[in-house]
């Protein structure tokens, strides 16, 4: 039926005998054609009418939604910290007239806007070089478009 593929104990001699070599060759060939995966044929349990269990943590989202969510959480946290600090300072000082409120609430905003403009100016504009080979034709026509009517008929005039 099936060849004997049980490994024989190794002899202490120089090599395998002819019978042992043939048995080892048959075992190697049989192992080459044996499947390397196992399929579990047991039936899966049936689905019942129980509602799904809520999983802990944040729900899975796309990368863009995750990035936007993190930005919103960070912005909300920063706003809460600035507002809380301002509220504590005004409560401790017992002095909250419009000038103090304007300084407390306007200073962080002005600082952030100034830093943003400074960061935008810090990077120089990139150098753009165009290299053309062969004849170059520059079209300098102006196209005037007029769209009229209920069905939006467009007339282009040069």
N, C-alpha and C. Protein backbone atom coordinates (compact mmCIF):
# COMPACT_ATOMS: atom_id res chain seq x y z
N UNK A 1 0.82 -1.18 0.00
CA UNK A 1 0.00 0.00 0.00
C UNK A 1 0.87 1.25 0.00
N UNK A 2 1.28 1.69 1.19
CA UNK A 2 2.12 2.87 1.32
C UNK A 2 3.54 2.43 1.65
N UNK A 3 4.51 3.14 1.12
CA UNK A 3 5.89 2.76 1.44
C UNK A 3 6.20 3.08 2.90
N UNK A 4 7.12 2.36 3.45
CA UNK A 4 7.54 2.58 4.83
C UNK A 4 8.41 3.83 4.87
N UNK A 5 7.89 4.89 5.50
CA UNK A 5 8.62 6.16 5.54
C UNK A 5 9.12 6.49 6.93
N UNK A 6 9.10 5.53 7.83
CA UNK A 6 9.62 5.80 9.17
C UNK A 6 11.13 5.88 9.11
N UNK A 7 11.71 6.88 9.73
CA UNK A 7 13.17 6.99 9.66
C UNK A 7 13.85 5.88 10.45
N UNK A 8 14.91 5.38 9.89
CA UNK A 8 15.70 4.34 10.54
C UNK A 8 16.81 5.00 11.34
N UNK A 9 17.24 4.37 12.42
CA UNK A 9 18.35 4.97 13.18
C UNK A 9 19.62 5.00 12.33
N UNK A 10 20.34 6.10 12.44
CA UNK A 10 21.55 6.27 11.64
C UNK A 10 22.63 5.32 12.11
N UNK A 11 23.30 4.70 11.15
CA UNK A 11 24.38 3.78 11.51
C UNK A 11 25.66 4.57 11.73
N UNK A 12 26.54 3.99 12.44
CA UNK A 12 27.81 4.67 12.74
C UNK A 12 28.82 4.47 11.64
N UNK A 13 28.43 3.76 10.56
CA UNK A 13 29.36 3.48 9.47
C UNK A 13 29.55 4.69 8.58
N UNK A 14 30.14 4.45 7.41
CA UNK A 14 30.49 5.52 6.50
C UNK A 14 29.26 6.11 5.83
N UNK A 15 28.21 5.34 5.55
CA UNK A 15 27.04 5.85 4.86
C UNK A 15 25.85 4.95 5.06
N UNK A 16 24.83 5.13 4.22
CA UNK A 16 23.63 4.32 4.30
C UNK A 16 23.79 3.07 3.44
N UNK A 17 23.12 2.04 3.86
CA UNK A 17 23.11 0.83 3.02
C UNK A 17 22.17 1.09 1.86
N UNK A 18 22.13 0.21 0.90
CA UNK A 18 21.28 0.38 -0.28
C UNK A 18 19.82 0.42 0.11
N UNK A 19 19.41 -0.43 1.05
CA UNK A 19 18.00 -0.47 1.49
C UNK A 19 17.65 0.82 2.22
N UNK A 20 18.54 1.28 3.10
CA UNK A 20 18.28 2.51 3.84
C UNK A 20 18.25 3.72 2.91
N UNK A 21 19.13 3.77 1.93
CA UNK A 21 19.15 4.88 0.98
C UNK A 21 17.87 4.92 0.17
N UNK A 22 17.38 3.74 -0.26
CA UNK A 22 16.15 3.69 -1.03
C UNK A 22 14.97 4.12 -0.17
N UNK A 23 14.92 3.67 1.08
CA UNK A 23 13.84 4.06 1.99
C UNK A 23 13.86 5.56 2.24
N UNK A 24 15.04 6.12 2.45
CA UNK A 24 15.16 7.57 2.69
C UNK A 24 14.75 8.36 1.45
N UNK A 25 15.12 7.88 0.27
CA UNK A 25 14.72 8.56 -0.97
C UNK A 25 13.22 8.54 -1.14
N UNK A 26 12.58 7.38 -0.86
CA UNK A 26 11.12 7.29 -0.96
C UNK A 26 10.44 8.24 0.05
N UNK A 27 11.01 8.33 1.26
CA UNK A 27 10.43 9.22 2.27
C UNK A 27 10.52 10.68 1.82
N UNK A 28 11.66 11.08 1.27
CA UNK A 28 11.83 12.47 0.82
C UNK A 28 10.87 12.78 -0.32
N UNK A 29 10.72 11.84 -1.27
CA UNK A 29 9.81 12.06 -2.40
C UNK A 29 8.36 12.11 -1.92
N UNK A 30 7.99 11.21 -0.99
CA UNK A 30 6.62 11.22 -0.46
C UNK A 30 6.33 12.51 0.30
N UNK A 31 7.31 13.02 1.05
CA UNK A 31 7.12 14.27 1.79
C UNK A 31 6.95 15.46 0.85
N UNK A 32 7.57 15.39 -0.33
CA UNK A 32 7.48 16.50 -1.26
C UNK A 32 6.06 16.67 -1.79
N UNK A 33 5.30 15.57 -1.90
CA UNK A 33 3.95 15.64 -2.45
C UNK A 33 2.88 15.64 -1.36
N UNK A 34 3.25 15.69 -0.12
CA UNK A 34 2.29 15.72 0.99
C UNK A 34 1.82 17.17 1.18
N UNK A 35 0.54 17.39 1.43
CA UNK A 35 0.06 18.77 1.62
C UNK A 35 0.69 19.40 2.86
N UNK A 36 0.92 20.71 2.77
CA UNK A 36 1.54 21.42 3.88
C UNK A 36 0.52 22.24 4.66
N UNK A 37 -0.76 22.10 4.35
CA UNK A 37 -1.80 22.84 5.07
C UNK A 37 -2.84 21.86 5.58
N UNK A 38 -3.59 22.30 6.55
CA UNK A 38 -4.64 21.47 7.12
C UNK A 38 -5.93 22.26 7.13
N UNK A 39 -6.99 21.67 6.60
CA UNK A 39 -8.29 22.32 6.58
C UNK A 39 -9.15 21.71 7.68
N UNK A 40 -9.62 22.56 8.57
CA UNK A 40 -10.47 22.11 9.67
C UNK A 40 -11.90 22.03 9.15
N UNK A 41 -12.45 20.84 9.10
CA UNK A 41 -13.78 20.62 8.53
C UNK A 41 -14.88 20.66 9.58
N UNK A 42 -14.58 20.99 10.81
CA UNK A 42 -15.65 21.05 11.82
C UNK A 42 -16.57 22.21 11.50
N UNK A 43 -17.88 22.02 11.67
CA UNK A 43 -18.82 23.10 11.32
C UNK A 43 -18.67 24.29 12.27
N UNK A 44 -18.83 25.47 11.71
CA UNK A 44 -18.75 26.68 12.53
C UNK A 44 -20.06 26.86 13.28
N UNK A 45 -20.05 27.50 14.41
CA UNK A 45 -21.29 27.69 15.16
C UNK A 45 -22.25 28.60 14.40
N UNK A 46 -23.53 28.34 14.57
CA UNK A 46 -24.56 29.15 13.90
C UNK A 46 -24.64 30.53 14.56
N UNK A 47 -25.01 31.52 13.75
CA UNK A 47 -25.17 32.87 14.28
C UNK A 47 -26.54 32.96 14.94
N UNK A 48 -26.57 33.55 16.10
CA UNK A 48 -27.84 33.71 16.81
C UNK A 48 -28.40 35.10 16.61
N UNK A 49 -29.36 35.45 17.44
CA UNK A 49 -29.99 36.76 17.33
C UNK A 49 -29.47 37.72 18.39
N UNK A 50 -28.34 37.40 18.99
CA UNK A 50 -27.77 38.29 20.01
C UNK A 50 -27.15 39.51 19.33
N UNK A 51 -27.29 40.68 19.93
CA UNK A 51 -26.70 41.88 19.33
C UNK A 51 -25.17 41.82 19.42
N UNK A 52 -24.49 42.54 18.54
CA UNK A 52 -23.03 42.54 18.59
C UNK A 52 -22.52 43.19 19.87
N UNK A 53 -21.38 42.74 20.30
CA UNK A 53 -20.79 43.26 21.53
C UNK A 53 -19.95 44.48 21.19
N UNK A 54 -20.12 45.53 21.97
CA UNK A 54 -19.36 46.75 21.74
C UNK A 54 -17.90 46.50 22.12
N UNK A 55 -16.99 46.85 21.21
CA UNK A 55 -15.57 46.65 21.44
C UNK A 55 -14.98 47.90 22.09
N UNK A 56 -14.00 47.74 22.96
CA UNK A 56 -13.41 48.92 23.59
C UNK A 56 -12.53 49.69 22.61
N UNK A 57 -12.32 50.96 22.90
CA UNK A 57 -11.44 51.78 22.07
C UNK A 57 -12.21 52.54 21.02
N UNK A 58 -11.46 53.28 20.19
CA UNK A 58 -12.08 54.07 19.13
C UNK A 58 -12.42 53.16 17.96
N UNK A 59 -13.53 53.43 17.25
CA UNK A 59 -13.91 52.58 16.12
C UNK A 59 -12.93 52.75 14.97
N UNK A 60 -12.81 51.73 14.10
CA UNK A 60 -11.90 51.84 12.96
C UNK A 60 -12.39 52.88 11.97
N UNK A 61 -11.46 53.68 11.46
CA UNK A 61 -11.80 54.74 10.51
C UNK A 61 -10.74 54.76 9.41
N UNK A 62 -11.02 55.53 8.38
CA UNK A 62 -10.03 55.70 7.32
C UNK A 62 -8.89 56.56 7.85
N UNK A 63 -7.77 56.59 7.12
CA UNK A 63 -6.61 57.35 7.59
C UNK A 63 -6.92 58.83 7.65
N UNK A 64 -7.65 59.35 6.66
CA UNK A 64 -8.01 60.77 6.67
C UNK A 64 -8.90 61.12 7.84
N UNK A 65 -9.89 60.26 8.11
CA UNK A 65 -10.78 60.50 9.24
C UNK A 65 -10.03 60.41 10.56
N UNK A 66 -9.09 59.48 10.65
CA UNK A 66 -8.28 59.36 11.87
C UNK A 66 -7.43 60.60 12.08
N UNK A 67 -6.80 61.09 11.01
CA UNK A 67 -5.97 62.30 11.13
C UNK A 67 -6.82 63.50 11.54
N UNK A 68 -7.99 63.66 10.91
CA UNK A 68 -8.87 64.77 11.26
C UNK A 68 -9.35 64.65 12.70
N UNK A 69 -9.65 63.45 13.13
CA UNK A 69 -10.11 63.23 14.51
C UNK A 69 -9.03 63.61 15.51
N UNK A 70 -7.79 63.21 15.23
CA UNK A 70 -6.69 63.55 16.13
C UNK A 70 -6.49 65.06 16.17
N UNK A 71 -6.58 65.73 15.02
CA UNK A 71 -6.43 67.19 15.00
C UNK A 71 -7.54 67.86 15.80
N UNK A 72 -8.78 67.37 15.67
CA UNK A 72 -9.88 67.96 16.42
C UNK A 72 -9.71 67.73 17.92
N UNK A 73 -9.26 66.55 18.30
CA UNK A 73 -9.03 66.29 19.72
C UNK A 73 -7.91 67.18 20.26
N UNK A 74 -6.85 67.35 19.50
CA UNK A 74 -5.75 68.20 19.95
C UNK A 74 -6.18 69.66 20.03
N UNK A 75 -6.95 70.12 19.05
CA UNK A 75 -7.44 71.50 19.09
C UNK A 75 -8.38 71.74 20.25
N UNK A 76 -9.26 70.79 20.51
CA UNK A 76 -10.16 70.92 21.65
C UNK A 76 -9.42 70.93 22.97
N UNK A 77 -8.41 70.10 23.09
CA UNK A 77 -7.61 70.06 24.32
C UNK A 77 -6.87 71.38 24.52
N UNK A 78 -6.27 71.90 23.45
CA UNK A 78 -5.55 73.17 23.56
C UNK A 78 -6.50 74.30 23.92
N UNK A 79 -7.69 74.32 23.32
CA UNK A 79 -8.67 75.35 23.64
C UNK A 79 -9.12 75.25 25.09
N UNK A 80 -9.34 74.04 25.55
CA UNK A 80 -9.76 73.87 26.95
C UNK A 80 -8.67 74.32 27.91
N UNK A 81 -7.41 74.03 27.58
CA UNK A 81 -6.32 74.46 28.47
C UNK A 81 -6.19 75.98 28.51
N UNK A 82 -6.26 76.63 27.35
CA UNK A 82 -6.15 78.09 27.32
C UNK A 82 -7.34 78.72 28.03
N UNK A 83 -8.54 78.23 27.74
CA UNK A 83 -9.73 78.77 28.40
C UNK A 83 -9.72 78.54 29.89
N UNK A 84 -9.29 77.36 30.31
CA UNK A 84 -9.23 77.07 31.75
C UNK A 84 -8.21 77.94 32.45
N UNK A 85 -7.07 78.15 31.81
CA UNK A 85 -6.05 79.03 32.40
C UNK A 85 -6.57 80.45 32.52
N UNK A 86 -7.24 80.93 31.48
CA UNK A 86 -7.79 82.28 31.53
C UNK A 86 -8.85 82.40 32.62
N UNK A 87 -9.70 81.40 32.74
CA UNK A 87 -10.74 81.45 33.76
C UNK A 87 -10.15 81.44 35.16
N UNK A 88 -9.15 80.62 35.38
CA UNK A 88 -8.51 80.57 36.71
C UNK A 88 -7.81 81.89 37.01
N UNK A 89 -7.11 82.46 36.03
CA UNK A 89 -6.44 83.74 36.26
C UNK A 89 -7.43 84.85 36.59
N UNK A 90 -8.54 84.90 35.87
CA UNK A 90 -9.53 85.94 36.16
C UNK A 90 -10.20 85.71 37.51
N UNK A 91 -10.42 84.48 37.88
CA UNK A 91 -11.04 84.20 39.18
C UNK A 91 -10.09 84.55 40.31
N UNK A 92 -8.81 84.20 40.15
CA UNK A 92 -7.83 84.47 41.20
C UNK A 92 -7.60 85.97 41.35
N UNK A 93 -7.54 86.69 40.23
CA UNK A 93 -7.27 88.13 40.31
C UNK A 93 -8.51 88.92 40.72
N UNK A 94 -9.68 88.33 40.64
CA UNK A 94 -10.95 89.02 40.95
C UNK A 94 -11.09 90.30 40.15
N UNK A 95 -10.57 90.27 38.91
CA UNK A 95 -10.58 91.47 38.10
C UNK A 95 -10.76 91.04 36.65
N UNK A 96 -11.95 91.22 36.10
CA UNK A 96 -12.22 90.76 34.75
C UNK A 96 -12.99 91.82 33.98
N UNK A 97 -12.32 92.89 33.62
CA UNK A 97 -12.97 93.90 32.78
C UNK A 97 -12.69 93.56 31.31
N UNK A 98 -13.29 94.26 30.36
CA UNK A 98 -13.12 93.92 28.94
C UNK A 98 -11.66 93.97 28.47
N UNK A 99 -10.86 94.87 29.00
CA UNK A 99 -9.46 94.95 28.58
C UNK A 99 -8.69 93.70 28.99
N UNK A 100 -8.90 93.24 30.22
CA UNK A 100 -8.21 92.03 30.68
C UNK A 100 -8.69 90.82 29.88
N UNK A 101 -10.00 90.72 29.65
CA UNK A 101 -10.53 89.60 28.85
C UNK A 101 -9.93 89.61 27.45
N UNK A 102 -9.84 90.79 26.85
CA UNK A 102 -9.26 90.89 25.52
C UNK A 102 -7.80 90.47 25.50
N UNK A 103 -7.04 90.87 26.51
CA UNK A 103 -5.64 90.47 26.58
C UNK A 103 -5.49 88.97 26.81
N UNK A 104 -6.29 88.44 27.72
CA UNK A 104 -6.17 87.02 28.05
C UNK A 104 -6.58 86.14 26.89
N UNK A 105 -7.69 86.50 26.22
CA UNK A 105 -8.18 85.65 25.13
C UNK A 105 -7.54 85.98 23.79
N UNK A 106 -7.10 87.22 23.59
CA UNK A 106 -6.55 87.62 22.31
C UNK A 106 -5.07 87.34 22.16
N UNK A 107 -4.34 87.35 23.26
CA UNK A 107 -2.89 87.16 23.17
C UNK A 107 -2.51 85.80 22.60
N UNK A 108 -3.09 84.68 23.06
CA UNK A 108 -2.70 83.40 22.45
C UNK A 108 -3.04 83.32 20.96
N UNK A 109 -4.19 83.89 20.58
CA UNK A 109 -4.57 83.86 19.17
C UNK A 109 -3.59 84.68 18.34
N UNK A 110 -3.25 85.87 18.81
CA UNK A 110 -2.30 86.71 18.08
C UNK A 110 -0.93 86.04 18.00
N UNK A 111 -0.52 85.40 19.07
CA UNK A 111 0.77 84.70 19.07
C UNK A 111 0.78 83.56 18.05
N UNK A 112 -0.28 82.78 18.01
CA UNK A 112 -0.35 81.66 17.07
C UNK A 112 -0.37 82.17 15.63
N UNK A 113 -1.14 83.23 15.36
CA UNK A 113 -1.18 83.78 14.00
C UNK A 113 0.18 84.35 13.59
N UNK A 114 0.86 85.03 14.51
CA UNK A 114 2.18 85.57 14.19
C UNK A 114 3.18 84.46 13.91
N UNK A 115 3.15 83.40 14.70
CA UNK A 115 4.05 82.27 14.46
C UNK A 115 3.74 81.58 13.13
N UNK A 116 2.46 81.49 12.78
CA UNK A 116 2.09 80.86 11.51
C UNK A 116 2.60 81.68 10.33
N UNK A 117 2.48 83.01 10.40
CA UNK A 117 2.99 83.85 9.31
C UNK A 117 4.51 83.77 9.24
N UNK A 118 5.15 83.72 10.39
CA UNK A 118 6.60 83.61 10.41
C UNK A 118 7.06 82.29 9.80
N UNK A 119 6.36 81.22 10.11
CA UNK A 119 6.72 79.91 9.56
C UNK A 119 6.49 79.88 8.05
N UNK A 120 5.45 80.57 7.58
CA UNK A 120 5.18 80.59 6.14
C UNK A 120 6.26 81.35 5.39
N UNK A 121 6.81 82.39 5.99
CA UNK A 121 7.84 83.18 5.34
C UNK A 121 9.23 82.57 5.47
N UNK A 122 9.40 81.64 6.37
CA UNK A 122 10.73 81.10 6.64
C UNK A 122 11.27 80.29 5.47
N UNK A 123 10.41 79.65 4.70
CA UNK A 123 10.86 78.81 3.60
C UNK A 123 10.88 79.63 2.31
N UNK A 124 12.02 79.70 1.62
CA UNK A 124 12.05 80.47 0.38
C UNK A 124 11.29 79.74 -0.74
N UNK A 125 10.86 80.54 -1.69
CA UNK A 125 10.15 79.96 -2.83
C UNK A 125 11.13 79.14 -3.67
N UNK A 126 10.69 78.04 -4.22
CA UNK A 126 11.61 77.21 -5.01
C UNK A 126 11.95 77.87 -6.35
N UNK A 127 13.16 77.63 -6.83
CA UNK A 127 13.57 78.13 -8.14
C UNK A 127 12.97 77.22 -9.21
N UNK A 128 12.36 77.86 -10.21
CA UNK A 128 11.74 77.11 -11.29
C UNK A 128 12.50 77.40 -12.58
N UNK A 129 13.01 76.38 -13.21
CA UNK A 129 13.74 76.51 -14.46
C UNK A 129 13.06 75.64 -15.51
N UNK A 130 12.75 76.27 -16.65
CA UNK A 130 12.15 75.53 -17.75
C UNK A 130 13.20 75.38 -18.84
N UNK A 131 13.41 74.17 -19.28
CA UNK A 131 14.36 73.89 -20.36
C UNK A 131 13.58 73.30 -21.52
N UNK A 132 13.60 74.02 -22.65
CA UNK A 132 12.87 73.58 -23.82
C UNK A 132 13.85 73.13 -24.89
N UNK A 133 13.48 72.11 -25.62
CA UNK A 133 14.27 71.67 -26.77
C UNK A 133 13.36 71.71 -27.98
N UNK A 134 13.84 72.28 -29.06
CA UNK A 134 13.06 72.36 -30.27
C UNK A 134 12.29 73.67 -30.32
N UNK A 135 11.46 73.85 -31.34
CA UNK A 135 10.72 75.11 -31.46
C UNK A 135 9.66 75.23 -30.37
N UNK A 136 9.54 76.44 -29.84
CA UNK A 136 8.57 76.72 -28.78
C UNK A 136 7.56 77.71 -29.32
N UNK A 137 6.28 77.40 -29.18
CA UNK A 137 5.21 78.29 -29.63
C UNK A 137 4.44 78.75 -28.40
N UNK A 138 4.34 80.06 -28.21
CA UNK A 138 3.59 80.59 -27.09
C UNK A 138 2.30 81.20 -27.62
N UNK A 139 1.20 80.67 -27.14
CA UNK A 139 -0.12 81.15 -27.56
C UNK A 139 -0.55 82.26 -26.61
N UNK A 140 -0.73 83.46 -27.13
CA UNK A 140 -1.08 84.59 -26.28
C UNK A 140 -2.48 85.12 -26.57
N UNK A 141 -3.36 84.25 -26.99
CA UNK A 141 -4.72 84.68 -27.28
C UNK A 141 -5.52 84.80 -25.99
N UNK A 142 -6.50 85.68 -25.99
CA UNK A 142 -7.44 85.81 -24.88
C UNK A 142 -8.78 85.27 -25.34
N UNK A 143 -9.40 84.46 -24.53
CA UNK A 143 -10.70 83.89 -24.86
C UNK A 143 -11.73 84.54 -23.95
N UNK A 144 -12.76 85.14 -24.58
CA UNK A 144 -13.85 85.76 -23.82
C UNK A 144 -15.05 84.84 -23.90
N UNK A 145 -15.57 84.46 -22.75
CA UNK A 145 -16.68 83.51 -22.70
C UNK A 145 -17.94 84.24 -22.25
N UNK A 146 -19.05 83.92 -22.94
CA UNK A 146 -20.34 84.49 -22.56
C UNK A 146 -21.34 83.35 -22.49
N UNK A 147 -21.93 83.13 -21.31
CA UNK A 147 -22.90 82.06 -21.12
C UNK A 147 -24.26 82.68 -20.88
N UNK A 148 -25.24 82.31 -21.72
CA UNK A 148 -26.59 82.87 -21.57
C UNK A 148 -27.61 81.76 -21.77
N UNK A 149 -28.84 82.06 -21.38
CA UNK A 149 -29.95 81.16 -21.65
C UNK A 149 -30.23 80.20 -20.51
N UNK A 150 -31.41 79.60 -20.59
CA UNK A 150 -31.83 78.65 -19.58
C UNK A 150 -30.99 77.38 -19.67
N UNK A 151 -30.64 76.98 -20.89
CA UNK A 151 -29.85 75.77 -21.08
C UNK A 151 -28.36 76.07 -21.15
N UNK A 152 -27.94 77.24 -20.75
CA UNK A 152 -26.55 77.65 -20.64
C UNK A 152 -25.76 77.40 -21.91
N UNK A 153 -26.10 78.14 -22.96
CA UNK A 153 -25.34 78.07 -24.21
C UNK A 153 -24.10 78.95 -24.05
N UNK A 154 -22.93 78.38 -24.30
CA UNK A 154 -21.67 79.10 -24.13
C UNK A 154 -21.10 79.45 -25.49
N UNK A 155 -20.75 80.73 -25.66
CA UNK A 155 -20.10 81.20 -26.88
C UNK A 155 -18.71 81.69 -26.51
N UNK A 156 -17.70 81.09 -27.12
CA UNK A 156 -16.32 81.51 -26.89
C UNK A 156 -15.88 82.39 -28.05
N UNK A 157 -15.37 83.60 -27.72
CA UNK A 157 -14.90 84.54 -28.74
C UNK A 157 -13.43 84.82 -28.48
N UNK A 158 -12.64 84.78 -29.58
CA UNK A 158 -11.21 85.07 -29.43
C UNK A 158 -10.92 86.49 -29.82
